[in-house]
Structures are given as structure tokens and as C-alpha cells.
Amino acid sequence: MKRFHRDAYSVMIGTLLLFGIIWLMLATLNPVR
């Protein structure tokens, strides 16, 4: 169970990082603000 929790945590962090990278790319490509 601990390993499963660790995997879920790593997946969550990865998703957050991916979202951040996409947001940064969008912000740099289309500077709205």
C-alpha cells in the first residue's frame, strides 16, 4: 500500500509539473497579461 501511495504522489507531482510547463508555454507564446 505504501508503494501505491508513493506512485500516486509521484503521478500527482508529475501532472502538476506538466500543467505548469504547459501554462508557462502558453504564457510565453500568448502574453495576455
N, C-alpha and C. Protein backbone atom coordinates (compact mmCIF):
# COMPACT_ATOMS: atom_id res chain seq x y z
N MET A 1 0.83 -1.20 0.00
CA MET A 1 0.00 0.00 0.00
C MET A 1 0.88 1.26 0.00
N LYS A 2 1.99 1.22 0.74
CA LYS A 2 2.86 2.40 0.79
C LYS A 2 3.41 2.70 -0.60
N ARG A 3 3.79 1.64 -1.31
CA ARG A 3 4.34 1.86 -2.65
C ARG A 3 3.27 2.48 -3.56
N PHE A 4 2.04 2.00 -3.43
CA PHE A 4 0.96 2.55 -4.25
C PHE A 4 0.78 4.04 -3.94
N HIS A 5 0.81 4.38 -2.66
CA HIS A 5 0.66 5.78 -2.27
C HIS A 5 1.79 6.62 -2.87
N ARG A 6 3.00 6.07 -2.81
CA ARG A 6 4.15 6.81 -3.34
C ARG A 6 3.97 7.03 -4.85
N ASP A 7 3.52 6.00 -5.56
CA ASP A 7 3.32 6.13 -7.01
C ASP A 7 2.26 7.19 -7.29
N ALA A 8 1.16 7.16 -6.53
CA ALA A 8 0.09 8.15 -6.74
C ALA A 8 0.64 9.55 -6.50
N TYR A 9 1.45 9.70 -5.45
CA TYR A 9 2.03 11.01 -5.13
C TYR A 9 2.93 11.48 -6.27
N SER A 10 3.76 10.57 -6.79
CA SER A 10 4.68 10.95 -7.87
C SER A 10 3.87 11.32 -9.12
N VAL A 11 2.80 10.58 -9.39
CA VAL A 11 1.96 10.87 -10.56
C VAL A 11 1.32 12.25 -10.40
N MET A 12 0.86 12.56 -9.19
CA MET A 12 0.23 13.85 -8.94
C MET A 12 1.25 14.98 -9.18
N ILE A 13 2.46 14.80 -8.66
CA ILE A 13 3.50 15.81 -8.83
C ILE A 13 3.82 15.98 -10.33
N GLY A 14 3.90 14.85 -11.04
CA GLY A 14 4.19 14.91 -12.47
C GLY A 14 3.11 15.67 -13.22
N THR A 15 1.85 15.41 -12.86
CA THR A 15 0.74 16.10 -13.53
C THR A 15 0.83 17.59 -13.26
N LEU A 16 1.13 17.95 -12.00
CA LEU A 16 1.23 19.38 -11.65
C LEU A 16 2.36 20.02 -12.44
N LEU A 17 3.50 19.32 -12.56
CA LEU A 17 4.63 19.87 -13.30
C LEU A 17 4.25 20.06 -14.77
N LEU A 18 3.56 19.05 -15.33
CA LEU A 18 3.14 19.14 -16.73
C LEU A 18 2.23 20.35 -16.92
N PHE A 19 1.28 20.52 -15.99
CA PHE A 19 0.37 21.67 -16.08
C PHE A 19 1.16 22.97 -16.03
N GLY A 20 2.12 23.05 -15.13
CA GLY A 20 2.92 24.26 -15.01
C GLY A 20 3.70 24.55 -16.28
N ILE A 21 4.29 23.50 -16.87
CA ILE A 21 5.07 23.69 -18.11
C ILE A 21 4.16 24.18 -19.22
N ILE A 22 2.98 23.54 -19.35
CA ILE A 22 2.04 23.95 -20.40
C ILE A 22 1.60 25.40 -20.18
N TRP A 23 1.32 25.75 -18.92
CA TRP A 23 0.88 27.12 -18.60
C TRP A 23 1.98 28.12 -18.96
N LEU A 24 3.25 27.77 -18.63
CA LEU A 24 4.36 28.66 -18.95
C LEU A 24 4.50 28.82 -20.46
N MET A 25 4.38 27.71 -21.20
CA MET A 25 4.50 27.77 -22.65
C MET A 25 3.41 28.66 -23.23
N LEU A 26 2.17 28.48 -22.74
CA LEU A 26 1.05 29.30 -23.23
C LEU A 26 1.30 30.77 -22.90
N ALA A 27 1.78 31.03 -21.68
CA ALA A 27 2.02 32.42 -21.27
C ALA A 27 3.10 33.06 -22.14
N THR A 28 4.14 32.29 -22.48
CA THR A 28 5.22 32.87 -23.29
C THR A 28 4.79 33.04 -24.74
N LEU A 29 3.97 32.10 -25.24
CA LEU A 29 3.53 32.18 -26.63
C LEU A 29 2.44 33.23 -26.81
N ASN A 30 1.51 33.31 -25.85
CA ASN A 30 0.39 34.25 -25.95
C ASN A 30 0.31 35.10 -24.69
N PRO A 31 1.16 36.14 -24.61
CA PRO A 31 1.16 37.00 -23.41
C PRO A 31 -0.10 37.86 -23.34
N VAL A 32 -1.08 37.39 -22.58
CA VAL A 32 -2.34 38.14 -22.46
C VAL A 32 -2.20 39.26 -21.45
N ARG A 33 -1.53 38.97 -20.31
CA ARG A 33 -1.40 39.98 -19.27
C ARG A 33 -0.13 40.79 -19.48
